[in-house]
């Protein structure tokens, strides 16, 4: 038998859904509601392209920076956190 696909559940299984304290700090700094930063990342139009290899992480960062109206490169520290 040949395995043709592997399916897994990442959210809450392979990836913790508990937001780190640094995410709350960034949401406060950016004037966002709790959970808004995760929504922006996981449901951003570029995210699907990123998952399929049609975009780079920098493309997502720039898209979120545009959405927030902050200078390009200003979210590099957030990515590091």
PDB file of N, CA and C in Angstrom:
ATOM      1  N   UNK A   1       0.844  -1.182   0.000  1.00  0.00           N
ATOM      2  CA  UNK A   1       0.000   0.000   0.000  1.00  0.00           C
ATOM      3  C   UNK A   1       0.887   1.242   0.000  1.00  0.00           C
ATOM      4  N   UNK A   2       0.582   2.182  -0.855  1.00  0.00           N
ATOM      5  CA  UNK A   2       1.338   3.419  -0.987  1.00  0.00           C
ATOM      6  C   UNK A   2       0.581   4.548  -0.292  1.00  0.00           C
ATOM      7  N   UNK A   3       1.267   5.230   0.620  1.00  0.00           N
ATOM      8  CA  UNK A   3       0.641   6.382   1.286  1.00  0.00           C
ATOM      9  C   UNK A   3       0.695   7.569   0.334  1.00  0.00           C
ATOM     10  N   UNK A   4      -0.459   8.167   0.058  1.00  0.00           N
ATOM     11  CA  UNK A   4      -0.527   9.288  -0.879  1.00  0.00           C
ATOM     12  C   UNK A   4      -0.677  10.627  -0.186  1.00  0.00           C
ATOM     13  N   UNK A   5      -1.069  10.633   1.074  1.00  0.00           N
ATOM     14  CA  UNK A   5      -1.254  11.900   1.779  1.00  0.00           C
ATOM     15  C   UNK A   5      -1.150  11.668   3.282  1.00  0.00           C
ATOM     16  N   UNK A   6      -0.771  12.711   3.971  1.00  0.00           N
ATOM     17  CA  UNK A   6      -0.745  12.702   5.425  1.00  0.00           C
ATOM     18  C   UNK A   6      -1.531  13.931   5.872  1.00  0.00           C
ATOM     19  N   UNK A   7      -2.435  13.728   6.798  1.00  0.00           N
ATOM     20  CA  UNK A   7      -3.266  14.821   7.310  1.00  0.00           C
ATOM     21  C   UNK A   7      -3.031  14.917   8.804  1.00  0.00           C
ATOM     22  N   UNK A   8      -2.864  16.130   9.309  1.00  0.00           N
ATOM     23  CA  UNK A   8      -2.686  16.306  10.738  1.00  0.00           C
ATOM     24  C   UNK A   8      -3.392  17.556  11.202  1.00  0.00           C
ATOM     25  N   UNK A   9      -3.630  17.621  12.490  1.00  0.00           N
ATOM     26  CA  UNK A   9      -4.297  18.748  13.124  1.00  0.00           C
ATOM     27  C   UNK A   9      -3.241  19.537  13.875  1.00  0.00           C
ATOM     28  N   UNK A  10      -2.914  20.732  13.385  1.00  0.00           N
ATOM     29  CA  UNK A  10      -1.860  21.523  14.021  1.00  0.00           C
ATOM     30  C   UNK A  10      -2.389  22.346  15.195  1.00  0.00           C
ATOM     31  N   UNK A  11      -3.517  23.022  15.014  1.00  0.00           N
ATOM     32  CA  UNK A  11      -4.031  23.940  16.023  1.00  0.00           C
ATOM     33  C   UNK A  11      -4.376  23.243  17.326  1.00  0.00           C
ATOM     34  N   UNK A  12      -3.622  23.546  18.378  1.00  0.00           N
ATOM     35  CA  UNK A  12      -3.871  22.960  19.679  1.00  0.00           C
ATOM     36  C   UNK A  12      -3.272  21.572  19.842  1.00  0.00           C
ATOM     37  N   UNK A  13      -2.717  21.032  18.768  1.00  0.00           N
ATOM     38  CA  UNK A  13      -2.115  19.708  18.823  1.00  0.00           C
ATOM     39  C   UNK A  13      -0.603  19.839  18.621  1.00  0.00           C
ATOM     40  N   UNK A  14      -0.189  20.221  17.424  1.00  0.00           N
ATOM     41  CA  UNK A  14       1.231  20.421  17.143  1.00  0.00           C
ATOM     42  C   UNK A  14       1.682  21.850  17.460  1.00  0.00           C
ATOM     43  N   UNK A  15       0.739  22.781  17.440  1.00  0.00           N
ATOM     44  CA  UNK A  15       1.030  24.182  17.731  1.00  0.00           C
ATOM     45  C   UNK A  15       0.120  24.621  18.862  1.00  0.00           C
ATOM     46  N   UNK A  16       0.701  25.142  19.928  1.00  0.00           N
ATOM     47  CA  UNK A  16      -0.083  25.599  21.071  1.00  0.00           C
ATOM     48  C   UNK A  16      -0.952  26.780  20.684  1.00  0.00           C
ATOM     49  N   UNK A  17      -2.183  26.781  21.141  1.00  0.00           N
ATOM     50  CA  UNK A  17      -3.078  27.900  20.866  1.00  0.00           C
ATOM     51  C   UNK A  17      -3.066  28.933  21.988  1.00  0.00           C
ATOM     52  N   UNK A  18      -2.323  28.672  23.047  1.00  0.00           N
ATOM     53  CA  UNK A  18      -2.218  29.645  24.134  1.00  0.00           C
ATOM     54  C   UNK A  18      -1.287  30.760  23.686  1.00  0.00           C
ATOM     55  N   UNK A  19      -1.814  31.994  23.610  1.00  0.00           N
ATOM     56  CA  UNK A  19      -0.956  33.085  23.135  1.00  0.00           C
ATOM     57  C   UNK A  19       0.136  33.420  24.145  1.00  0.00           C
ATOM     58  N   UNK A  20       1.363  33.618  23.645  1.00  0.00           N
ATOM     59  CA  UNK A  20       2.442  34.013  24.553  1.00  0.00           C
ATOM     60  C   UNK A  20       2.225  35.423  25.075  1.00  0.00           C
ATOM     61  N   UNK A  21       2.817  35.725  26.206  1.00  0.00           N
ATOM     62  CA  UNK A  21       2.675  37.059  26.798  1.00  0.00           C
ATOM     63  C   UNK A  21       3.163  38.145  25.856  1.00  0.00           C
ATOM     64  N   UNK A  22       4.181  37.840  25.038  1.00  0.00           N
ATOM     65  CA  UNK A  22       4.701  38.842  24.107  1.00  0.00           C
ATOM     66  C   UNK A  22       3.637  39.248  23.097  1.00  0.00           C
ATOM     67  N   UNK A  23       2.738  38.334  22.720  1.00  0.00           N
ATOM     68  CA  UNK A  23       1.670  38.690  21.776  1.00  0.00           C
ATOM     69  C   UNK A  23       0.725  39.705  22.399  1.00  0.00           C
ATOM     70  N   UNK A  24       0.391  39.510  23.670  1.00  0.00           N
ATOM     71  CA  UNK A  24      -0.475  40.485  24.350  1.00  0.00           C
ATOM     72  C   UNK A  24       0.197  41.848  24.423  1.00  0.00           C
ATOM     73  N   UNK A  25       1.502  41.845  24.706  1.00  0.00           N
ATOM     74  CA  UNK A  25       2.232  43.107  24.788  1.00  0.00           C
ATOM     75  C   UNK A  25       2.206  43.825  23.444  1.00  0.00           C
ATOM     76  N   UNK A  26       2.387  43.091  22.350  1.00  0.00           N
ATOM     77  CA  UNK A  26       2.359  43.704  21.031  1.00  0.00           C
ATOM     78  C   UNK A  26       0.963  44.199  20.671  1.00  0.00           C
ATOM     79  N   UNK A  27      -0.061  43.448  21.034  1.00  0.00           N
ATOM     80  CA  UNK A  27      -1.427  43.907  20.762  1.00  0.00           C
ATOM     81  C   UNK A  27      -1.694  45.227  21.482  1.00  0.00           C
ATOM     82  N   UNK A  28      -1.239  45.333  22.714  1.00  0.00           N
ATOM     83  CA  UNK A  28      -1.395  46.577  23.467  1.00  0.00           C
ATOM     84  C   UNK A  28      -0.626  47.698  22.787  1.00  0.00           C
ATOM     85  N   UNK A  29       0.615  47.428  22.410  1.00  0.00           N
ATOM     86  CA  UNK A  29       1.460  48.435  21.758  1.00  0.00           C
ATOM     87  C   UNK A  29       0.849  48.924  20.446  1.00  0.00           C
ATOM     88  N   UNK A  30       0.216  48.020  19.704  1.00  0.00           N
ATOM     89  CA  UNK A  30      -0.363  48.362  18.409  1.00  0.00           C
ATOM     90  C   UNK A  30      -1.810  48.822  18.505  1.00  0.00           C
ATOM     91  N   UNK A  31      -2.360  48.834  19.713  1.00  0.00           N
ATOM     92  CA  UNK A  31      -3.750  49.267  19.904  1.00  0.00           C
ATOM     93  C   UNK A  31      -4.771  48.271  19.384  1.00  0.00           C
ATOM     94  N   UNK A  32      -4.445  46.984  19.458  1.00  0.00           N
ATOM     95  CA  UNK A  32      -5.335  45.932  18.969  1.00  0.00           C
ATOM     96  C   UNK A  32      -6.041  45.248  20.122  1.00  0.00           C
ATOM     97  N   UNK A  33      -7.217  44.704  19.839  1.00  0.00           N
ATOM     98  CA  UNK A  33      -7.935  43.904  20.826  1.00  0.00           C
ATOM     99  C   UNK A  33      -7.220  42.575  21.013  1.00  0.00           C
ATOM    100  N   UNK A  34      -7.469  41.927  22.142  1.00  0.00           N
ATOM    101  CA  UNK A  34      -6.884  40.625  22.423  1.00  0.00           C
ATOM    102  C   UNK A  34      -7.298  39.619  21.349  1.00  0.00           C
ATOM    103  N   UNK A  35      -6.334  38.919  20.798  1.00  0.00           N
ATOM    104  CA  UNK A  35      -6.601  37.932  19.758  1.00  0.00           C
ATOM    105  C   UNK A  35      -6.560  38.486  18.347  1.00  0.00           C
ATOM    106  N   UNK A  36      -6.543  39.793  18.206  1.00  0.00           N
ATOM    107  CA  UNK A  36      -6.573  40.421  16.884  1.00  0.00           C
ATOM    108  C   UNK A  36      -5.308  40.150  16.077  1.00  0.00           C
ATOM    109  N   UNK A  37      -4.173  40.112  16.729  1.00  0.00           N
ATOM    110  CA  UNK A  37      -2.914  39.865  16.031  1.00  0.00           C
ATOM    111  C   UNK A  37      -2.899  38.466  15.418  1.00  0.00           C
ATOM    112  N   UNK A  38      -3.347  37.483  16.154  1.00  0.00           N
ATOM    113  CA  UNK A  38      -3.420  36.118  15.620  1.00  0.00           C
ATOM    114  C   UNK A  38      -4.372  36.066  14.430  1.00  0.00           C
ATOM    115  N   UNK A  39      -5.504  36.750  14.531  1.00  0.00           N
ATOM    116  CA  UNK A  39      -6.460  36.775  13.425  1.00  0.00           C
ATOM    117  C   UNK A  39      -5.819  37.390  12.187  1.00  0.00           C
ATOM    118  N   UNK A  40      -5.070  38.479  12.389  1.00  0.00           N
ATOM    119  CA  UNK A  40      -4.434  39.145  11.256  1.00  0.00           C
ATOM    120  C   UNK A  40      -3.429  38.227  10.573  1.00  0.00           C
ATOM    121  N   UNK A  41      -2.693  37.452  11.340  1.00  0.00           N
ATOM    122  CA  UNK A  41      -1.671  36.567  10.772  1.00  0.00           C
ATOM    123  C   UNK A  41      -2.311  35.354  10.101  1.00  0.00           C
ATOM    124  N   UNK A  42      -3.173  34.653  10.805  1.00  0.00           N
ATOM    125  CA  UNK A  42      -3.698  33.395  10.293  1.00  0.00           C
ATOM    126  C   UNK A  42      -4.776  33.551   9.229  1.00  0.00           C
ATOM    127  N   UNK A  43      -5.441  34.709   9.171  1.00  0.00           N
ATOM    128  CA  UNK A  43      -6.503  34.916   8.186  1.00  0.00           C
ATOM    129  C   UNK A  43      -6.171  36.016   7.187  1.00  0.00           C
ATOM    130  N   UNK A  44      -4.925  36.427   7.130  1.00  0.00           N
ATOM    131  CA  UNK A  44      -4.500  37.442   6.165  1.00  0.00           C
ATOM    132  C   UNK A  44      -4.542  36.834   4.762  1.00  0.00           C
ATOM    133  N   UNK A  45      -4.893  37.615   3.732  1.00  0.00           N
ATOM    134  CA  UNK A  45      -4.941  37.067   2.373  1.00  0.00           C
ATOM    135  C   UNK A  45      -3.629  36.434   1.904  1.00  0.00           C
ATOM    136  N   UNK A  46      -2.488  36.882   2.408  1.00  0.00           N
ATOM    137  CA  UNK A  46      -1.197  36.339   1.991  1.00  0.00           C
ATOM    138  C   UNK A  46      -0.909  34.990   2.653  1.00  0.00           C
ATOM    139  N   UNK A  47      -1.567  34.688   3.773  1.00  0.00           N
ATOM    140  CA  UNK A  47      -1.267  33.477   4.539  1.00  0.00           C
ATOM    141  C   UNK A  47      -1.448  32.207   3.720  1.00  0.00           C
ATOM    142  N   UNK A  48      -2.516  32.109   2.961  1.00  0.00           N
ATOM    143  CA  UNK A  48      -2.745  30.913   2.146  1.00  0.00           C
ATOM    144  C   UNK A  48      -1.627  30.744   1.119  1.00  0.00           C
ATOM    145  N   UNK A  49      -1.202  31.849   0.502  1.00  0.00           N
ATOM    146  CA  UNK A  49      -0.077  31.774  -0.435  1.00  0.00           C
ATOM    147  C   UNK A  49       1.199  31.339   0.279  1.00  0.00           C
ATOM    148  N   UNK A  50       1.392  31.788   1.493  1.00  0.00           N
ATOM    149  CA  UNK A  50       2.557  31.400   2.288  1.00  0.00           C
ATOM    150  C   UNK A  50       2.542  29.896   2.559  1.00  0.00           C
ATOM    151  N   UNK A  51       1.389  29.372   2.945  1.00  0.00           N
ATOM    152  CA  UNK A  51       1.265  27.937   3.220  1.00  0.00           C
ATOM    153  C   UNK A  51       1.549  27.085   1.984  1.00  0.00           C
ATOM    154  N   UNK A  52       1.243  27.629   0.799  1.00  0.00           N
ATOM    155  CA  UNK A  52       1.427  26.879  -0.442  1.00  0.00           C
ATOM    156  C   UNK A  52       2.752  27.189  -1.139  1.00  0.00           C
ATOM    157  N   UNK A  53       3.617  27.952  -0.478  1.00  0.00           N
ATOM    158  CA  UNK A  53       4.928  28.238  -1.038  1.00  0.00           C
ATOM    159  C   UNK A  53       4.924  29.299  -2.129  1.00  0.00           C
ATOM    160  N   UNK A  54       3.831  30.046  -2.249  1.00  0.00           N
ATOM    161  CA  UNK A  54       3.742  31.088  -3.268  1.00  0.00           C
ATOM    162  C   UNK A  54       4.086  32.466  -2.715  1.00  0.00           C
ATOM    163  N   UNK A  55       4.411  32.529  -1.442  1.00  0.00           N
ATOM    164  CA  UNK A  55       4.781  33.794  -0.791  1.00  0.00           C
ATOM    165  C   UNK A  55       5.849  33.492   0.246  1.00  0.00           C
ATOM    166  N   UNK A  56       6.509  34.544   0.697  1.00  0.00           N
ATOM    167  CA  UNK A  56       7.547  34.413   1.729  1.00  0.00           C
ATOM    168  C   UNK A  56       7.037  35.047   3.017  1.00  0.00           C
ATOM    169  N   UNK A  57       7.615  34.685   4.150  1.00  0.00           N
ATOM    170  CA  UNK A  57       7.201  35.306   5.412  1.00  0.00           C
ATOM    171  C   UNK A  57       7.283  36.836   5.364  1.00  0.00           C
ATOM    172  N   UNK A  58       8.267  37.378   4.650  1.00  0.00           N
ATOM    173  CA  UNK A  58       8.372  38.837   4.527  1.00  0.00           C
ATOM    174  C   UNK A  58       7.161  39.443   3.826  1.00  0.00           C
ATOM    175  N   UNK A  59       6.570  38.713   2.884  1.00  0.00           N
ATOM    176  CA  UNK A  59       5.379  39.201   2.194  1.00  0.00           C
ATOM    177  C   UNK A  59       4.224  39.362   3.179  1.00  0.00           C
ATOM    178  N   UNK A  60       4.102  38.415   4.088  1.00  0.00           N
ATOM    179  CA  UNK A  60       3.054  38.501   5.106  1.00  0.00           C
ATOM    180  C   UNK A  60       3.311  39.672   6.044  1.00  0.00           C
ATOM    181  N   UNK A  61       4.558  39.828   6.480  1.00  0.00           N
ATOM    182  CA  UNK A  61       4.898  40.942   7.369  1.00  0.00           C
ATOM    183  C   UNK A  61       4.565  42.275   6.719  1.00  0.00           C
ATOM    184  N   UNK A  62       4.937  42.433   5.452  1.00  0.00           N
ATOM    185  CA  UNK A  62       4.650  43.701   4.752  1.00  0.00           C
ATOM    186  C   UNK A  62       3.153  43.929   4.624  1.00  0.00           C
ATOM    187  N   UNK A  63       2.394  42.875   4.365  1.00  0.00           N
ATOM    188  CA  UNK A  63       0.945  43.007   4.256  1.00  0.00           C
ATOM    189  C   UNK A  63       0.324  43.455   5.569  1.00  0.00           C
ATOM    190  N   UNK A  64       0.785  42.890   6.663  1.00  0.00           N
ATOM    191  CA  UNK A  64       0.257  43.275   7.979  1.00  0.00           C
ATOM    192  C   UNK A  64       0.687  44.699   8.321  1.00  0.00           C
ATOM    193  N   UNK A  65       1.922  45.059   7.984  1.00  0.00           N
ATOM    194  CA  UNK A  65       2.385  46.439   8.218  1.00  0.00           C
ATOM    195  C   UNK A  65       1.509  47.431   7.456  1.00  0.00           C
ATOM    196  N   UNK A  66       1.170  47.104   6.209  1.00  0.00           N
ATOM    197  CA  UNK A  66       0.276  47.989   5.431  1.00  0.00           C
ATOM    198  C   UNK A  66      -1.090  48.084   6.096  1.00  0.00           C
ATOM    199  N   UNK A  67      -1.609  46.945   6.537  1.00  0.00           N
ATOM    200  CA  UNK A  67      -2.934  46.915   7.170  1.00  0.00           C
ATOM    201  C   UNK A  67      -2.957  47.754   8.448  1.00  0.00           C
ATOM    202  N   UNK A  68      -1.860  47.701   9.204  1.00  0.00           N
ATOM    203  CA  UNK A  68      -1.772  48.465  10.450  1.00  0.00           C
ATOM    204  C   UNK A  68      -1.364  49.916  10.220  1.00  0.00           C
ATOM    205  N   UNK A  69      -0.834  50.208   9.033  1.00  0.00           N
ATOM    206  CA  UNK A  69      -0.379  51.559   8.746  1.00  0.00           C
ATOM    207  C   UNK A  69       0.909  51.922   9.475  1.00  0.00           C
ATOM    208  N   UNK A  70       1.783  50.932   9.661  1.00  0.00           N
ATOM    209  CA  UNK A  70       3.065  51.182  10.334  1.00  0.00           C
ATOM    210  C   UNK A  70       4.181  51.102   9.292  1.00  0.00           C
ATOM    211  N   UNK A  71       5.339  51.712   9.560  1.00  0.00           N
ATOM    212  CA  UNK A  71       6.435  51.701   8.585  1.00  0.00           C
ATOM    213  C   UNK A  71       6.929  50.286   8.272  1.00  0.00           C
ATOM    214  N   UNK A  72       7.349  50.107   7.020  1.00  0.00           N
ATOM    215  CA  UNK A  72       7.902  48.822   6.569  1.00  0.00           C
ATOM    216  C   UNK A  72       9.111  48.463   7.447  1.00  0.00           C
ATOM    217  N   UNK A  73       9.140  47.226   7.900  1.00  0.00           N
ATOM    218  CA  UNK A  73      10.236  46.744   8.748  1.00  0.00           C
ATOM    219  C   UNK A  73       9.982  46.919  10.231  1.00  0.00           C
ATOM    220  N   UNK A  74       8.915  47.614  10.584  1.00  0.00           N
ATOM    221  CA  UNK A  74       8.686  47.889  11.999  1.00  0.00           C
ATOM    222  C   UNK A  74       8.199  46.667  12.778  1.00  0.00           C
ATOM    223  N   UNK A  75       7.749  45.636  12.097  1.00  0.00           N
ATOM    224  CA  UNK A  75       7.274  44.437  12.797  1.00  0.00           C
ATOM    225  C   UNK A  75       8.346  43.350  12.897  1.00  0.00           C
ATOM    226  N   UNK A  76       9.582  43.664  12.515  1.00  0.00           N
ATOM    227  CA  UNK A  76      10.655  42.667  12.620  1.00  0.00           C
ATOM    228  C   UNK A  76      10.850  42.215  14.066  1.00  0.00           C
ATOM    229  N   UNK A  77      10.758  43.138  15.003  1.00  0.00           N
ATOM    230  CA  UNK A  77      10.901  42.781  16.413  1.00  0.00           C
ATOM    231  C   UNK A  77       9.740  41.907  16.877  1.00  0.00           C
ATOM    232  N   UNK A  78       8.552  42.140  16.353  1.00  0.00           N
ATOM    233  CA  UNK A  78       7.395  41.321  16.707  1.00  0.00           C
ATOM    234  C   UNK A  78       7.630  39.884  16.231  1.00  0.00           C
ATOM    235  N   UNK A  79       8.134  39.721  15.024  1.00  0.00           N
ATOM    236  CA  UNK A  79       8.422  38.383  14.494  1.00  0.00           C
ATOM    237  C   UNK A  79       9.450  37.685  15.386  1.00  0.00           C
ATOM    238  N   UNK A  80      10.440  38.423  15.825  1.00  0.00           N
ATOM    239  CA  UNK A  80      11.466  37.853  16.695  1.00  0.00           C
ATOM    240  C   UNK A  80      10.867  37.418  18.028  1.00  0.00           C
ATOM    241  N   UNK A  81       9.968  38.228  18.580  1.00  0.00           N
ATOM    242  CA  UNK A  81       9.326  37.896  19.855  1.00  0.00           C
ATOM    243  C   UNK A  81       8.437  36.675  19.702  1.00  0.00           C
TER     244      UNK A  81
END
